[in-house]
């Protein structure tokens, strides 16, 4: 397993899932919940996050085949999507690709908020799914790098569980401003990852065109 690849993969997946940045919303949504209900919500959130990201990691490549999407095109499009999410995080805003104000308000009346909107799209949103699929494409042919993607998903899910479990204590110390500051840092990291995706996609696209004789 490439240690550098494993660390980069985990950092990117953790940054886009952003469990610390999501703590304020979780605290707000579960403010009047009993401890047992909060525990069930946390479990559902983590299981949904794990199932969605793992599912797209395993079966997401079939999307390329069905729709005829090339890896370079997906890297470029995914990089642009991730950059928009990262930009929103750096501005202290919640990306519109993740959850709307209407969904947040509607979730206040539901017990299944662990699935929607916390699990999807807050934790396992389009950005997280795209990140997993791109790193899966990077690891093609290397079973150890491939395993590191799924290990990163598992690690992020486990960390998310404990962060949500102790969210009220963490939020009490960090406050909303502390969570926003962390989100901005994660946004900067994610922006760098997004740019690398775009550059990789452009470089691979040019190489493929040259090899096919379209250019040169």
Protein backbone atom coordinates (compact mmCIF):
# COMPACT_ATOMS: atom_id res chain seq x y z
CA UNK A 1 0.00 0.00 0.00
CA UNK A 2 1.32 3.43 -0.89
CA UNK A 3 1.39 5.33 2.40
CA UNK A 4 1.21 8.67 0.61
CA UNK A 5 -1.86 7.56 -1.37
CA UNK A 6 -3.55 6.19 1.76
CA UNK A 7 -2.98 9.41 3.73
CA UNK A 8 -4.11 11.61 0.85
CA UNK A 9 -7.22 9.50 0.32
CA UNK A 10 -8.20 9.59 3.98
CA UNK A 11 -7.56 13.33 4.24
CA UNK A 12 -9.72 14.03 1.18
CA UNK A 13 -12.63 11.79 2.24
CA UNK A 14 -12.56 13.09 5.82
CA UNK A 15 -12.45 16.69 4.57
CA UNK A 16 -15.45 16.34 2.27
CA UNK A 17 -17.53 14.37 4.81
CA UNK A 18 -16.52 17.04 7.34
CA UNK A 19 -18.04 15.53 10.51
CA UNK A 20 -16.73 18.32 12.76
CA UNK A 21 -18.21 21.01 10.55
CA UNK A 22 -21.54 19.16 10.60
CA UNK A 23 -21.73 19.06 14.40
CA UNK A 24 -23.67 22.37 14.77
CA UNK A 25 -26.50 21.12 12.54
CA UNK A 26 -26.59 17.75 14.29
CA UNK A 27 -26.82 19.48 17.67
CA UNK A 28 -29.63 21.72 16.40
CA UNK A 29 -31.61 18.88 14.85
CA UNK A 30 -31.35 16.62 17.91
CA UNK A 31 -31.71 19.29 20.58
CA UNK A 32 -34.91 17.84 22.06
CA UNK A 33 -34.10 14.18 21.40
CA UNK A 34 -33.67 11.64 24.18
CA UNK A 35 -30.21 10.07 24.59
CA UNK A 36 -31.47 6.77 23.16
CA UNK A 37 -33.00 8.47 20.13
CA UNK A 38 -29.81 10.42 19.53
CA UNK A 39 -27.85 7.18 19.67
CA UNK A 40 -30.12 5.63 17.03
CA UNK A 41 -29.81 8.72 14.84
CA UNK A 42 -26.02 8.59 15.09
CA UNK A 43 -25.95 4.91 14.16
CA UNK A 44 -28.25 5.48 11.18
CA UNK A 45 -26.15 8.44 10.04
CA UNK A 46 -22.92 6.44 10.14
CA UNK A 47 -24.43 3.31 8.57
CA UNK A 48 -25.96 5.40 5.77
CA UNK A 49 -22.67 7.19 5.15
CA UNK A 50 -20.74 3.93 5.06
CA UNK A 51 -23.29 2.14 2.85
CA UNK A 52 -23.55 4.96 0.30
CA UNK A 53 -19.82 5.62 -0.02
CA UNK A 54 -18.94 1.92 -0.09
CA UNK A 55 -21.70 1.20 -2.57
CA UNK A 56 -20.49 3.83 -5.00
CA UNK A 57 -16.91 2.70 -4.41
CA UNK A 58 -17.83 -0.85 -5.44
CA UNK A 59 -20.39 -0.21 -8.16
CA UNK A 60 -19.67 3.36 -9.19
CA UNK A 61 -17.36 2.33 -12.01
CA UNK A 62 -20.34 0.81 -13.81
CA UNK A 63 -21.65 4.36 -14.20
CA UNK A 64 -18.72 5.06 -16.51
CA UNK A 65 -19.57 2.03 -18.63
CA UNK A 66 -23.33 2.64 -18.79
CA UNK A 67 -23.07 6.33 -19.66
CA UNK A 68 -19.83 6.12 -21.63
CA UNK A 69 -18.05 8.55 -19.30
CA UNK A 70 -14.26 8.62 -19.49
CA UNK A 71 -12.11 8.76 -16.36
CA UNK A 72 -10.47 12.08 -17.38
CA UNK A 73 -13.88 13.69 -17.97
CA UNK A 74 -15.10 12.50 -14.58
CA UNK A 75 -11.97 13.80 -12.85
CA UNK A 76 -12.41 17.23 -14.42
CA UNK A 77 -16.14 17.43 -13.66
CA UNK A 78 -15.64 15.98 -10.18
CA UNK A 79 -12.81 18.40 -9.46
CA UNK A 80 -14.99 21.36 -10.43
CA UNK A 81 -17.81 20.07 -8.22
CA UNK A 82 -15.46 19.56 -5.28
CA UNK A 83 -14.00 23.04 -5.77
CA UNK A 84 -17.48 24.58 -5.57
CA UNK A 85 -18.09 22.67 -2.32
CA UNK A 86 -14.66 23.71 -1.00
CA UNK A 87 -15.32 27.35 -1.90
CA UNK A 88 -18.60 27.29 0.05
CA UNK A 89 -16.80 25.76 3.03
CA UNK A 90 -14.09 28.44 2.94
CA UNK A 91 -16.81 31.11 2.85
CA UNK A 92 -18.44 29.58 5.91
CA UNK A 93 -21.49 28.54 3.90
CA UNK A 94 -23.20 25.18 3.52
CA UNK A 95 -22.91 23.98 -0.05
CA UNK A 96 -26.19 23.84 -1.96
CA UNK A 97 -25.16 20.41 -3.27
CA UNK A 98 -25.45 19.01 0.23
CA UNK A 99 -28.57 20.25 2.02
CA UNK A 100 -31.00 23.11 1.57
CA UNK A 101 -32.56 25.25 4.28
CA UNK A 102 -35.95 23.70 3.43
CA UNK A 103 -34.59 20.17 3.95
CA UNK A 104 -33.03 21.22 7.25
CA UNK A 105 -36.30 22.69 8.53
CA UNK A 106 -38.33 19.69 7.31
CA UNK A 107 -35.96 17.29 9.08
CA UNK A 108 -36.86 18.82 12.44
CA UNK A 109 -40.15 16.85 12.36
CA UNK A 110 -38.67 13.49 11.41
CA UNK A 111 -37.04 10.71 13.39
CA UNK A 112 -35.29 9.39 10.32
CA UNK A 113 -32.92 12.34 10.08
CA UNK A 114 -30.05 9.88 10.44
CA UNK A 115 -30.77 8.77 6.89
CA UNK A 116 -32.01 12.06 5.41
CA UNK A 117 -30.68 14.73 5.62
CA UNK A 118 -27.75 13.77 7.88
CA UNK A 119 -26.61 10.58 6.13
CA UNK A 120 -27.65 11.83 2.69
CA UNK A 121 -26.76 14.43 1.54
CA UNK A 122 -24.95 16.02 4.50
CA UNK A 123 -22.31 13.37 5.19
CA UNK A 124 -22.46 11.24 2.03
CA UNK A 125 -23.31 13.93 -0.49
CA UNK A 126 -22.37 14.33 -4.17
CA UNK A 127 -18.92 15.63 -3.25
CA UNK A 128 -18.09 12.66 -1.03
CA UNK A 129 -19.40 10.19 -3.61
CA UNK A 130 -17.37 11.86 -6.35
CA UNK A 131 -14.23 11.83 -4.21
CA UNK A 132 -14.54 8.11 -3.50
CA UNK A 133 -15.14 7.26 -7.17
CA UNK A 134 -12.16 9.32 -8.34
CA UNK A 135 -9.80 7.69 -5.84
CA UNK A 136 -11.14 4.28 -6.89
CA UNK A 137 -10.20 5.18 -10.47
CA UNK A 138 -6.72 6.20 -9.29
CA UNK A 139 -6.19 2.83 -7.59
CA UNK A 140 -7.13 0.65 -10.58
CA UNK A 141 -4.78 -2.32 -10.77
CA UNK A 142 -3.36 -1.89 -7.27
CA UNK A 143 -5.24 -3.94 -4.69
CA UNK A 144 -3.51 -2.21 -1.77
CA UNK A 145 -4.38 1.30 -2.95
CA UNK A 146 -7.90 0.08 -3.63
CA UNK A 147 -8.13 -1.27 -0.08
CA UNK A 148 -6.91 2.05 1.30
CA UNK A 149 -9.95 3.81 -0.17
CA UNK A 150 -12.33 1.52 1.72
CA UNK A 151 -10.19 1.70 4.87
CA UNK A 152 -10.45 5.50 4.62
CA UNK A 153 -14.25 5.24 4.38
CA UNK A 154 -14.35 2.96 7.44
CA UNK A 155 -12.00 5.23 9.41
CA UNK A 156 -14.00 8.34 8.53
CA UNK A 157 -17.23 6.60 9.55
CA UNK A 158 -15.81 5.47 12.90
CA UNK A 159 -14.40 8.93 13.67
CA UNK A 160 -17.74 10.47 12.67
CA UNK A 161 -19.54 8.16 15.11
CA UNK A 162 -17.47 9.28 18.08
CA UNK A 163 -17.59 12.94 17.06
CA UNK A 164 -21.38 12.80 16.87
CA UNK A 165 -21.59 10.80 20.09
CA UNK A 166 -19.75 13.54 21.95
CA UNK A 167 -21.03 16.34 19.73
CA UNK A 168 -22.65 18.37 22.50
CA UNK A 169 -19.44 18.44 24.54
CA UNK A 170 -17.37 19.25 21.44
CA UNK A 171 -19.80 21.96 20.34
CA UNK A 172 -19.77 23.41 23.86
CA UNK A 173 -16.00 23.86 23.64
CA UNK A 174 -15.66 24.82 20.00
CA UNK A 175 -18.84 26.79 19.50
CA UNK A 176 -20.26 27.61 16.08
CA UNK A 177 -17.28 29.85 15.25
CA UNK A 178 -14.83 27.05 16.01
CA UNK A 179 -16.72 24.61 13.81
CA UNK A 180 -16.81 27.16 11.00
CA UNK A 181 -13.07 27.75 11.35
CA UNK A 182 -12.43 24.02 11.05
CA UNK A 183 -14.69 23.86 7.98
CA UNK A 184 -12.69 26.65 6.36
CA UNK A 185 -9.45 24.73 6.93
CA UNK A 186 -11.00 21.57 5.50
CA UNK A 187 -12.29 23.64 2.58
CA UNK A 188 -8.80 24.86 1.77
CA UNK A 189 -7.48 21.29 1.82
CA UNK A 190 -10.38 20.13 -0.34
CA UNK A 191 -9.79 22.95 -2.83
CA UNK A 192 -6.22 21.75 -3.33
CA UNK A 193 -7.48 18.19 -3.87
CA UNK A 194 -10.06 19.47 -6.36
CA UNK A 195 -7.42 21.32 -8.38
CA UNK A 196 -5.25 18.19 -8.46
CA UNK A 197 -8.23 16.22 -9.81
CA UNK A 198 -8.76 18.75 -12.61
CA UNK A 199 -5.06 18.88 -13.51
CA UNK A 200 -4.86 15.08 -13.51
CA UNK A 201 -7.95 14.82 -15.68
CA UNK A 202 -6.70 17.41 -18.18
CA UNK A 203 -3.28 15.78 -18.35
CA UNK A 204 -4.75 12.31 -18.85
CA UNK A 205 -7.20 13.61 -21.48
CA UNK A 206 -4.39 15.22 -23.49
CA UNK A 207 -2.32 12.05 -23.23
CA UNK A 208 -5.24 9.90 -24.42
CA UNK A 209 -5.93 12.20 -27.37
CA UNK A 210 -2.27 12.20 -28.37
CA UNK A 211 -2.13 8.41 -28.12
CA UNK A 212 -5.25 8.11 -30.27
CA UNK A 213 -3.76 10.36 -32.91
CA UNK A 214 -6.29 13.13 -32.51
CA UNK A 215 -3.53 15.52 -31.51
CA UNK A 216 0.03 15.60 -32.71
